[in-house]
């Protein structure tokens, strides 16, 4: 079994047009173990920084992912995605008819 790779992306940003202040980030997390895949989507709001706001044009996906991860319980989210992969690999529930096999 391969190690799970978690990939974070920013799907969209919401900002004030007057000064570029980003107040919401929409993000995705993809989990892939080489065989199975799972994913999650969310959004998170940010407080206006008191100083040194990065200009909108200078933001990178890595910067914003850092902001998102600072506000979330990354370990808990990735553990939940890992549980989804584990369930795909070894299902705990099934359906069907015993006589139709």
PDB file of N, CA and C in Angstrom:
ATOM      1  N   UNK A   1       0.845  -1.182   0.000  1.00  0.00           N
ATOM      2  CA  UNK A   1       0.000   0.000   0.000  1.00  0.00           C
ATOM      3  C   UNK A   1       0.888   1.242   0.000  1.00  0.00           C
ATOM      4  N   UNK A   2       0.559   2.192  -0.854  1.00  0.00           N
ATOM      5  CA  UNK A   2       1.329   3.424  -0.970  1.00  0.00           C
ATOM      6  C   UNK A   2       0.989   4.384   0.154  1.00  0.00           C
ATOM      7  N   UNK A   3       1.898   5.296   0.401  1.00  0.00           N
ATOM      8  CA  UNK A   3       1.615   6.373   1.344  1.00  0.00           C
ATOM      9  C   UNK A   3       0.604   7.327   0.729  1.00  0.00           C
ATOM     10  N   UNK A   4      -0.244   7.868   1.550  1.00  0.00           N
ATOM     11  CA  UNK A   4      -1.252   8.801   1.068  1.00  0.00           C
ATOM     12  C   UNK A   4      -0.628  10.170   0.852  1.00  0.00           C
ATOM     13  N   UNK A   5      -0.948  10.780  -0.274  1.00  0.00           N
ATOM     14  CA  UNK A   5      -0.511  12.138  -0.588  1.00  0.00           C
ATOM     15  C   UNK A   5      -1.728  13.044  -0.454  1.00  0.00           C
ATOM     16  N   UNK A   6      -1.593  14.103   0.334  1.00  0.00           N
ATOM     17  CA  UNK A   6      -2.651  15.086   0.515  1.00  0.00           C
ATOM     18  C   UNK A   6      -2.244  16.345  -0.255  1.00  0.00           C
ATOM     19  N   UNK A   7      -3.125  16.789  -1.141  1.00  0.00           N
ATOM     20  CA  UNK A   7      -2.835  17.953  -1.961  1.00  0.00           C
ATOM     21  C   UNK A   7      -3.888  19.025  -1.696  1.00  0.00           C
ATOM     22  N   UNK A   8      -3.416  20.182  -1.275  1.00  0.00           N
ATOM     23  CA  UNK A   8      -4.290  21.316  -0.962  1.00  0.00           C
ATOM     24  C   UNK A   8      -4.267  22.295  -2.134  1.00  0.00           C
ATOM     25  N   UNK A   9      -5.440  22.831  -2.471  1.00  0.00           N
ATOM     26  CA  UNK A   9      -5.555  23.853  -3.517  1.00  0.00           C
ATOM     27  C   UNK A   9      -6.514  24.943  -3.053  1.00  0.00           C
ATOM     28  N   UNK A  10      -6.322  26.118  -3.594  1.00  0.00           N
ATOM     29  CA  UNK A  10      -7.265  27.207  -3.379  1.00  0.00           C
ATOM     30  C   UNK A  10      -8.141  27.286  -4.619  1.00  0.00           C
ATOM     31  N   UNK A  11      -9.447  27.107  -4.424  1.00  0.00           N
ATOM     32  CA  UNK A  11     -10.393  27.105  -5.544  1.00  0.00           C
ATOM     33  C   UNK A  11     -10.838  28.517  -5.914  1.00  0.00           C
ATOM     34  N   UNK A  12     -10.930  29.410  -4.914  1.00  0.00           N
ATOM     35  CA  UNK A  12     -11.420  30.762  -5.163  1.00  0.00           C
ATOM     36  C   UNK A  12     -11.125  31.644  -3.963  1.00  0.00           C
ATOM     37  N   UNK A  13     -10.956  32.924  -4.210  1.00  0.00           N
ATOM     38  CA  UNK A  13     -10.798  33.914  -3.144  1.00  0.00           C
ATOM     39  C   UNK A  13     -11.881  34.967  -3.292  1.00  0.00           C
ATOM     40  N   UNK A  14     -12.353  35.462  -2.156  1.00  0.00           N
ATOM     41  CA  UNK A  14     -13.273  36.592  -2.139  1.00  0.00           C
ATOM     42  C   UNK A  14     -12.540  37.744  -1.482  1.00  0.00           C
ATOM     43  N   UNK A  15     -12.636  38.951  -2.096  1.00  0.00           N
ATOM     44  CA  UNK A  15     -11.852  40.083  -1.611  1.00  0.00           C
ATOM     45  C   UNK A  15     -12.622  41.377  -1.734  1.00  0.00           C
ATOM     46  N   UNK A  16     -12.138  42.367  -1.005  1.00  0.00           N
ATOM     47  CA  UNK A  16     -12.629  43.736  -1.134  1.00  0.00           C
ATOM     48  C   UNK A  16     -11.951  44.337  -2.360  1.00  0.00           C
ATOM     49  N   UNK A  17     -12.711  44.963  -3.237  1.00  0.00           N
ATOM     50  CA  UNK A  17     -12.105  45.533  -4.440  1.00  0.00           C
ATOM     51  C   UNK A  17     -11.322  46.805  -4.150  1.00  0.00           C
ATOM     52  N   UNK A  18     -11.660  47.496  -3.083  1.00  0.00           N
ATOM     53  CA  UNK A  18     -10.994  48.765  -2.781  1.00  0.00           C
ATOM     54  C   UNK A  18      -9.515  48.582  -2.442  1.00  0.00           C
ATOM     55  N   UNK A  19      -9.205  47.523  -1.654  1.00  0.00           N
ATOM     56  CA  UNK A  19      -7.812  47.367  -1.212  1.00  0.00           C
ATOM     57  C   UNK A  19      -7.270  45.947  -1.368  1.00  0.00           C
ATOM     58  N   UNK A  20      -8.078  45.021  -1.890  1.00  0.00           N
ATOM     59  CA  UNK A  20      -7.601  43.662  -2.118  1.00  0.00           C
ATOM     60  C   UNK A  20      -7.642  42.760  -0.899  1.00  0.00           C
ATOM     61  N   UNK A  21      -8.209  43.237   0.211  1.00  0.00           N
ATOM     62  CA  UNK A  21      -8.292  42.421   1.427  1.00  0.00           C
ATOM     63  C   UNK A  21      -9.085  41.143   1.140  1.00  0.00           C
ATOM     64  N   UNK A  22      -8.446  40.008   1.335  1.00  0.00           N
ATOM     65  CA  UNK A  22      -9.086  38.704   1.115  1.00  0.00           C
ATOM     66  C   UNK A  22      -9.807  38.316   2.401  1.00  0.00           C
ATOM     67  N   UNK A  23     -11.124  38.181   2.311  1.00  0.00           N
ATOM     68  CA  UNK A  23     -11.898  37.847   3.508  1.00  0.00           C
ATOM     69  C   UNK A  23     -12.385  36.398   3.526  1.00  0.00           C
ATOM     70  N   UNK A  24     -12.338  35.692   2.388  1.00  0.00           N
ATOM     71  CA  UNK A  24     -12.730  34.288   2.350  1.00  0.00           C
ATOM     72  C   UNK A  24     -11.883  33.537   1.334  1.00  0.00           C
ATOM     73  N   UNK A  25     -11.477  32.344   1.711  1.00  0.00           N
ATOM     74  CA  UNK A  25     -10.794  31.436   0.792  1.00  0.00           C
ATOM     75  C   UNK A  25     -11.605  30.149   0.714  1.00  0.00           C
ATOM     76  N   UNK A  26     -11.792  29.664  -0.497  1.00  0.00           N
ATOM     77  CA  UNK A  26     -12.442  28.383  -0.745  1.00  0.00           C
ATOM     78  C   UNK A  26     -11.329  27.415  -1.136  1.00  0.00           C
ATOM     79  N   UNK A  27     -11.286  26.266  -0.467  1.00  0.00           N
ATOM     80  CA  UNK A  27     -10.162  25.358  -0.655  1.00  0.00           C
ATOM     81  C   UNK A  27     -10.649  23.936  -0.905  1.00  0.00           C
ATOM     82  N   UNK A  28      -9.758  23.134  -1.492  1.00  0.00           N
ATOM     83  CA  UNK A  28     -10.006  21.706  -1.664  1.00  0.00           C
ATOM     84  C   UNK A  28      -8.807  20.948  -1.119  1.00  0.00           C
ATOM     85  N   UNK A  29      -9.066  19.734  -0.658  1.00  0.00           N
ATOM     86  CA  UNK A  29      -8.004  18.815  -0.236  1.00  0.00           C
ATOM     87  C   UNK A  29      -8.277  17.495  -0.937  1.00  0.00           C
ATOM     88  N   UNK A  30      -7.287  17.000  -1.642  1.00  0.00           N
ATOM     89  CA  UNK A  30      -7.394  15.709  -2.303  1.00  0.00           C
ATOM     90  C   UNK A  30      -6.448  14.731  -1.618  1.00  0.00           C
ATOM     91  N   UNK A  31      -6.943  13.530  -1.364  1.00  0.00           N
ATOM     92  CA  UNK A  31      -6.140  12.460  -0.783  1.00  0.00           C
ATOM     93  C   UNK A  31      -6.050  11.342  -1.810  1.00  0.00           C
ATOM     94  N   UNK A  32      -4.847  10.853  -2.031  1.00  0.00           N
ATOM     95  CA  UNK A  32      -4.633   9.813  -3.040  1.00  0.00           C
ATOM     96  C   UNK A  32      -3.567   8.867  -2.523  1.00  0.00           C
ATOM     97  N   UNK A  33      -3.899   7.583  -2.465  1.00  0.00           N
ATOM     98  CA  UNK A  33      -2.920   6.604  -1.994  1.00  0.00           C
ATOM     99  C   UNK A  33      -2.355   5.759  -3.131  1.00  0.00           C
ATOM    100  N   UNK A  34      -2.608   6.216  -4.371  1.00  0.00           N
ATOM    101  CA  UNK A  34      -2.128   5.482  -5.525  1.00  0.00           C
ATOM    102  C   UNK A  34      -3.179   4.549  -6.105  1.00  0.00           C
ATOM    103  N   UNK A  35      -4.154   4.175  -5.293  1.00  0.00           N
ATOM    104  CA  UNK A  35      -5.247   3.314  -5.745  1.00  0.00           C
ATOM    105  C   UNK A  35      -6.590   3.990  -5.529  1.00  0.00           C
ATOM    106  N   UNK A  36      -6.785   4.561  -4.359  1.00  0.00           N
ATOM    107  CA  UNK A  36      -8.051   5.169  -3.989  1.00  0.00           C
ATOM    108  C   UNK A  36      -7.879   6.669  -3.809  1.00  0.00           C
ATOM    109  N   UNK A  37      -9.015   7.389  -3.982  1.00  0.00           N
ATOM    110  CA  UNK A  37      -9.015   8.845  -3.865  1.00  0.00           C
ATOM    111  C   UNK A  37     -10.183   9.299  -3.006  1.00  0.00           C
ATOM    112  N   UNK A  38      -9.978  10.395  -2.296  1.00  0.00           N
ATOM    113  CA  UNK A  38     -11.029  11.048  -1.521  1.00  0.00           C
ATOM    114  C   UNK A  38     -10.735  12.538  -1.557  1.00  0.00           C
ATOM    115  N   UNK A  39     -11.750  13.334  -1.265  1.00  0.00           N
ATOM    116  CA  UNK A  39     -11.535  14.773  -1.295  1.00  0.00           C
ATOM    117  C   UNK A  39     -12.510  15.505  -0.408  1.00  0.00           C
ATOM    118  N   UNK A  40     -12.179  16.762  -0.168  1.00  0.00           N
ATOM    119  CA  UNK A  40     -13.032  17.623   0.648  1.00  0.00           C
ATOM    120  C   UNK A  40     -12.940  19.042   0.113  1.00  0.00           C
ATOM    121  N   UNK A  41     -13.990  19.827   0.387  1.00  0.00           N
ATOM    122  CA  UNK A  41     -14.071  21.216  -0.023  1.00  0.00           C
ATOM    123  C   UNK A  41     -14.534  22.001   1.176  1.00  0.00           C
ATOM    124  N   UNK A  42     -14.013  23.204   1.322  1.00  0.00           N
ATOM    125  CA  UNK A  42     -14.458  24.056   2.408  1.00  0.00           C
ATOM    126  C   UNK A  42     -14.152  25.505   2.121  1.00  0.00           C
ATOM    127  N   UNK A  43     -14.611  26.363   2.998  1.00  0.00           N
ATOM    128  CA  UNK A  43     -14.277  27.781   2.914  1.00  0.00           C
ATOM    129  C   UNK A  43     -14.035  28.287   4.319  1.00  0.00           C
ATOM    130  N   UNK A  44     -13.210  29.315   4.398  1.00  0.00           N
ATOM    131  CA  UNK A  44     -12.856  29.870   5.699  1.00  0.00           C
ATOM    132  C   UNK A  44     -12.693  31.376   5.557  1.00  0.00           C
ATOM    133  N   UNK A  45     -13.140  32.084   6.569  1.00  0.00           N
ATOM    134  CA  UNK A  45     -13.031  33.539   6.569  1.00  0.00           C
ATOM    135  C   UNK A  45     -11.800  34.006   7.323  1.00  0.00           C
ATOM    136  N   UNK A  46     -11.344  35.189   6.960  1.00  0.00           N
ATOM    137  CA  UNK A  46     -10.160  35.771   7.587  1.00  0.00           C
ATOM    138  C   UNK A  46     -10.482  37.147   8.164  1.00  0.00           C
ATOM    139  N   UNK A  47      -9.826  37.456   9.272  1.00  0.00           N
ATOM    140  CA  UNK A  47      -9.903  38.790   9.854  1.00  0.00           C
ATOM    141  C   UNK A  47      -9.002  39.718   9.045  1.00  0.00           C
ATOM    142  N   UNK A  48      -9.385  40.973   8.964  1.00  0.00           N
ATOM    143  CA  UNK A  48      -8.544  41.960   8.288  1.00  0.00           C
ATOM    144  C   UNK A  48      -7.241  42.111   9.072  1.00  0.00           C
ATOM    145  N   UNK A  49      -6.084  42.001   8.394  1.00  0.00           N
ATOM    146  CA  UNK A  49      -4.821  42.158   9.107  1.00  0.00           C
ATOM    147  C   UNK A  49      -4.668  43.591   9.616  1.00  0.00           C
ATOM    148  N   UNK A  50      -4.052  43.707  10.780  1.00  0.00           N
ATOM    149  CA  UNK A  50      -3.870  45.027  11.370  1.00  0.00           C
ATOM    150  C   UNK A  50      -2.766  45.820  10.676  1.00  0.00           C
ATOM    151  N   UNK A  51      -1.828  45.110  10.080  1.00  0.00           N
ATOM    152  CA  UNK A  51      -0.729  45.783   9.382  1.00  0.00           C
ATOM    153  C   UNK A  51      -0.152  44.844   8.329  1.00  0.00           C
ATOM    154  N   UNK A  52       0.634  45.407   7.454  1.00  0.00           N
ATOM    155  CA  UNK A  52       1.373  44.634   6.451  1.00  0.00           C
ATOM    156  C   UNK A  52       0.501  43.675   5.647  1.00  0.00           C
ATOM    157  N   UNK A  53      -0.586  44.184   5.093  1.00  0.00           N
ATOM    158  CA  UNK A  53      -1.427  43.357   4.237  1.00  0.00           C
ATOM    159  C   UNK A  53      -0.684  43.129   2.916  1.00  0.00           C
ATOM    160  N   UNK A  54      -0.629  41.867   2.504  1.00  0.00           N
ATOM    161  CA  UNK A  54       0.015  41.521   1.235  1.00  0.00           C
ATOM    162  C   UNK A  54      -0.899  41.971   0.099  1.00  0.00           C
ATOM    163  N   UNK A  55      -0.376  42.723  -0.860  1.00  0.00           N
ATOM    164  CA  UNK A  55      -1.216  43.132  -1.990  1.00  0.00           C
ATOM    165  C   UNK A  55      -1.792  41.904  -2.705  1.00  0.00           C
ATOM    166  N   UNK A  56      -3.047  42.019  -3.131  1.00  0.00           N
ATOM    167  CA  UNK A  56      -3.734  40.906  -3.772  1.00  0.00           C
ATOM    168  C   UNK A  56      -2.909  40.331  -4.921  1.00  0.00           C
ATOM    169  N   UNK A  57      -2.335  41.178  -5.744  1.00  0.00           N
ATOM    170  CA  UNK A  57      -1.558  40.721  -6.908  1.00  0.00           C
ATOM    171  C   UNK A  57      -0.308  39.947  -6.507  1.00  0.00           C
ATOM    172  N   UNK A  58       0.148  40.114  -5.268  1.00  0.00           N
ATOM    173  CA  UNK A  58       1.360  39.428  -4.802  1.00  0.00           C
ATOM    174  C   UNK A  58       1.068  38.116  -4.082  1.00  0.00           C
ATOM    175  N   UNK A  59      -0.202  37.790  -3.884  1.00  0.00           N
ATOM    176  CA  UNK A  59      -0.538  36.533  -3.214  1.00  0.00           C
ATOM    177  C   UNK A  59      -0.211  35.347  -4.106  1.00  0.00           C
ATOM    178  N   UNK A  60       0.215  34.264  -3.477  1.00  0.00           N
ATOM    179  CA  UNK A  60       0.421  33.002  -4.181  1.00  0.00           C
ATOM    180  C   UNK A  60      -0.484  31.960  -3.529  1.00  0.00           C
ATOM    181  N   UNK A  61      -0.694  30.874  -4.239  1.00  0.00           N
ATOM    182  CA  UNK A  61      -1.502  29.802  -3.668  1.00  0.00           C
ATOM    183  C   UNK A  61      -0.857  29.280  -2.384  1.00  0.00           C
ATOM    184  N   UNK A  62       0.454  29.204  -2.353  1.00  0.00           N
ATOM    185  CA  UNK A  62       1.152  28.702  -1.163  1.00  0.00           C
ATOM    186  C   UNK A  62       0.907  29.600   0.046  1.00  0.00           C
ATOM    187  N   UNK A  63       0.913  30.918  -0.161  1.00  0.00           N
ATOM    188  CA  UNK A  63       0.638  31.845   0.946  1.00  0.00           C
ATOM    189  C   UNK A  63      -0.757  31.606   1.504  1.00  0.00           C
ATOM    190  N   UNK A  64      -1.736  31.537   0.617  1.00  0.00           N
ATOM    191  CA  UNK A  64      -3.120  31.391   1.072  1.00  0.00           C
ATOM    192  C   UNK A  64      -3.360  30.017   1.688  1.00  0.00           C
ATOM    193  N   UNK A  65      -2.752  28.970   1.136  1.00  0.00           N
ATOM    194  CA  UNK A  65      -2.856  27.646   1.766  1.00  0.00           C
ATOM    195  C   UNK A  65      -2.294  27.707   3.185  1.00  0.00           C
ATOM    196  N   UNK A  66      -1.216  28.420   3.373  1.00  0.00           N
ATOM    197  CA  UNK A  66      -0.661  28.597   4.715  1.00  0.00           C
ATOM    198  C   UNK A  66      -1.658  29.250   5.654  1.00  0.00           C
ATOM    199  N   UNK A  67      -2.348  30.282   5.185  1.00  0.00           N
ATOM    200  CA  UNK A  67      -3.371  30.944   6.002  1.00  0.00           C
ATOM    201  C   UNK A  67      -4.475  29.962   6.369  1.00  0.00           C
ATOM    202  N   UNK A  68      -4.921  29.181   5.385  1.00  0.00           N
ATOM    203  CA  UNK A  68      -6.004  28.220   5.609  1.00  0.00           C
ATOM    204  C   UNK A  68      -5.574  27.187   6.647  1.00  0.00           C
ATOM    205  N   UNK A  69      -4.389  26.622   6.465  1.00  0.00           N
ATOM    206  CA  UNK A  69      -3.913  25.585   7.383  1.00  0.00           C
ATOM    207  C   UNK A  69      -3.719  26.114   8.804  1.00  0.00           C
ATOM    208  N   UNK A  70      -3.344  27.388   8.938  1.00  0.00           N
ATOM    209  CA  UNK A  70      -3.191  27.981  10.274  1.00  0.00           C
ATOM    210  C   UNK A  70      -4.508  28.007  11.037  1.00  0.00           C
ATOM    211  N   UNK A  71      -5.612  28.102  10.315  1.00  0.00           N
ATOM    212  CA  UNK A  71      -6.920  28.237  10.943  1.00  0.00           C
ATOM    213  C   UNK A  71      -7.660  26.914  11.128  1.00  0.00           C
ATOM    214  N   UNK A  72      -7.153  25.843  10.521  1.00  0.00           N
ATOM    215  CA  UNK A  72      -7.843  24.560  10.560  1.00  0.00           C
ATOM    216  C   UNK A  72      -7.052  23.521  11.345  1.00  0.00           C
ATOM    217  N   UNK A  73      -7.726  22.452  11.731  1.00  0.00           N
ATOM    218  CA  UNK A  73      -7.071  21.295  12.330  1.00  0.00           C
ATOM    219  C   UNK A  73      -6.706  20.352  11.183  1.00  0.00           C
ATOM    220  N   UNK A  74      -5.541  20.594  10.594  1.00  0.00           N
ATOM    221  CA  UNK A  74      -5.094  19.857   9.415  1.00  0.00           C
ATOM    222  C   UNK A  74      -5.026  18.360   9.697  1.00  0.00           C
ATOM    223  N   UNK A  75      -4.507  17.986  10.848  1.00  0.00           N
ATOM    224  CA  UNK A  75      -4.390  16.560  11.185  1.00  0.00           C
ATOM    225  C   UNK A  75      -5.754  15.882  11.205  1.00  0.00           C
ATOM    226  N   UNK A  76      -6.746  16.542  11.759  1.00  0.00           N
ATOM    227  CA  UNK A  76      -8.096  15.967  11.831  1.00  0.00           C
ATOM    228  C   UNK A  76      -8.698  15.819  10.429  1.00  0.00           C
ATOM    229  N   UNK A  77      -8.539  16.830   9.586  1.00  0.00           N
ATOM    230  CA  UNK A  77      -9.083  16.768   8.223  1.00  0.00           C
ATOM    231  C   UNK A  77      -8.412  15.653   7.433  1.00  0.00           C
ATOM    232  N   UNK A  78      -7.088  15.588   7.495  1.00  0.00           N
ATOM    233  CA  UNK A  78      -6.376  14.556   6.750  1.00  0.00           C
ATOM    234  C   UNK A  78      -6.678  13.167   7.303  1.00  0.00           C
ATOM    235  N   UNK A  79      -6.887  13.044   8.615  1.00  0.00           N
ATOM    236  CA  UNK A  79      -7.257  11.751   9.200  1.00  0.00           C
ATOM    237  C   UNK A  79      -8.636  11.308   8.709  1.00  0.00           C
ATOM    238  N   UNK A  80      -9.566  12.260   8.574  1.00  0.00           N
ATOM    239  CA  UNK A  80     -10.899  11.916   8.072  1.00  0.00           C
ATOM    240  C   UNK A  80     -10.828  11.441   6.620  1.00  0.00           C
ATOM    241  N   UNK A  81     -10.001  12.100   5.822  1.00  0.00           N
ATOM    242  CA  UNK A  81      -9.832  11.660   4.433  1.00  0.00           C
ATOM    243  C   UNK A  81      -9.158  10.297   4.381  1.00  0.00           C
ATOM    244  N   UNK A  82      -8.193  10.070   5.264  1.00  0.00           N
ATOM    245  CA  UNK A  82      -7.527   8.765   5.314  1.00  0.00           C
ATOM    246  C   UNK A  82      -8.533   7.678   5.684  1.00  0.00           C
ATOM    247  N   UNK A  83      -9.470   7.995   6.572  1.00  0.00           N
ATOM    248  CA  UNK A  83     -10.512   7.030   6.940  1.00  0.00           C
ATOM    249  C   UNK A  83     -11.385   6.681   5.737  1.00  0.00           C
ATOM    250  N   UNK A  84     -11.657   7.679   4.888  1.00  0.00           N
ATOM    251  CA  UNK A  84     -12.434   7.409   3.678  1.00  0.00           C
ATOM    252  C   UNK A  84     -11.664   6.471   2.742  1.00  0.00           C
ATOM    253  N   UNK A  85     -10.365   6.689   2.610  1.00  0.00           N
ATOM    254  CA  UNK A  85      -9.540   5.799   1.785  1.00  0.00           C
ATOM    255  C   UNK A  85      -9.518   4.390   2.366  1.00  0.00           C
ATOM    256  N   UNK A  86      -9.371   4.293   3.688  1.00  0.00           N
ATOM    257  CA  UNK A  86      -9.345   2.990   4.346  1.00  0.00           C
ATOM    258  C   UNK A  86     -10.659   2.250   4.137  1.00  0.00           C
ATOM    259  N   UNK A  87     -11.770   2.984   4.179  1.00  0.00           N
ATOM    260  CA  UNK A  87     -13.089   2.382   3.957  1.00  0.00           C
ATOM    261  C   UNK A  87     -13.225   1.887   2.515  1.00  0.00           C
ATOM    262  N   UNK A  88     -12.665   2.612   1.574  1.00  0.00           N
ATOM    263  CA  UNK A  88     -12.694   2.158   0.182  1.00  0.00           C
ATOM    264  C   UNK A  88     -11.873   0.877   0.016  1.00  0.00           C
ATOM    265  N   UNK A  89     -10.740   0.840   0.691  1.00  0.00           N
ATOM    266  CA  UNK A  89      -9.840  -0.320   0.588  1.00  0.00           C
ATOM    267  C   UNK A  89     -10.442  -1.551   1.270  1.00  0.00           C
ATOM    268  N   UNK A  90     -11.045  -1.352   2.436  1.00  0.00           N
ATOM    269  CA  UNK A  90     -11.622  -2.451   3.224  1.00  0.00           C
ATOM    270  C   UNK A  90     -13.024  -2.041   3.674  1.00  0.00           C
ATOM    271  N   UNK A  91     -14.019  -2.164   2.801  1.00  0.00           N
ATOM    272  CA  UNK A  91     -15.376  -1.714   3.139  1.00  0.00           C
ATOM    273  C   UNK A  91     -15.939  -2.419   4.374  1.00  0.00           C
ATOM    274  N   UNK A  92     -16.597  -1.646   5.214  1.00  0.00           N
ATOM    275  CA  UNK A  92     -17.222  -2.214   6.409  1.00  0.00           C
ATOM    276  C   UNK A  92     -18.704  -2.518   6.179  1.00  0.00           C
ATOM    277  N   UNK A  93     -19.247  -2.115   5.042  1.00  0.00           N
ATOM    278  CA  UNK A  93     -20.643  -2.347   4.699  1.00  0.00           C
ATOM    279  C   UNK A  93     -20.728  -2.763   3.257  1.00  0.00           C
ATOM    280  N   UNK A  94     -21.749  -3.542   2.936  1.00  0.00           N
ATOM    281  CA  UNK A  94     -21.970  -3.988   1.563  1.00  0.00           C
ATOM    282  C   UNK A  94     -23.461  -4.212   1.360  1.00  0.00           C
ATOM    283  N   UNK A  95     -23.856  -4.316   0.122  1.00  0.00           N
ATOM    284  CA  UNK A  95     -25.260  -4.641  -0.190  1.00  0.00           C
ATOM    285  C   UNK A  95     -25.264  -5.746  -1.239  1.00  0.00           C
ATOM    286  N   UNK A  96     -26.398  -6.353  -1.386  1.00  0.00           N
ATOM    287  CA  UNK A  96     -26.520  -7.418  -2.371  1.00  0.00           C
ATOM    288  C   UNK A  96     -27.413  -8.524  -1.857  1.00  0.00           C
ATOM    289  N   UNK A  97     -27.566  -9.538  -2.664  1.00  0.00           N
ATOM    290  CA  UNK A  97     -28.387 -10.691  -2.327  1.00  0.00           C
ATOM    291  C   UNK A  97     -27.497 -11.937  -2.316  1.00  0.00           C
ATOM    292  N   UNK A  98     -27.593 -12.772  -1.286  1.00  0.00           N
ATOM    293  CA  UNK A  98     -26.704 -13.930  -1.209  1.00  0.00           C
ATOM    294  C   UNK A  98     -26.954 -14.935  -2.328  1.00  0.00           C
ATOM    295  N   UNK A  99     -28.140 -14.983  -2.869  1.00  0.00           N
ATOM    296  CA  UNK A  99     -28.454 -15.950  -3.924  1.00  0.00           C
ATOM    297  C   UNK A  99     -28.149 -15.421  -5.326  1.00  0.00           C
ATOM    298  N   UNK A 100     -27.710 -14.136  -5.420  1.00  0.00           N
ATOM    299  CA  UNK A 100     -27.437 -13.543  -6.734  1.00  0.00           C
ATOM    300  C   UNK A 100     -25.937 -13.464  -7.013  1.00  0.00           C
ATOM    301  N   UNK A 101     -25.167 -14.120  -6.199  1.00  0.00           N
ATOM    302  CA  UNK A 101     -23.714 -14.007  -6.355  1.00  0.00           C
ATOM    303  C   UNK A 101     -23.176 -14.859  -7.475  1.00  0.00           C
TER     304      UNK A 101
END
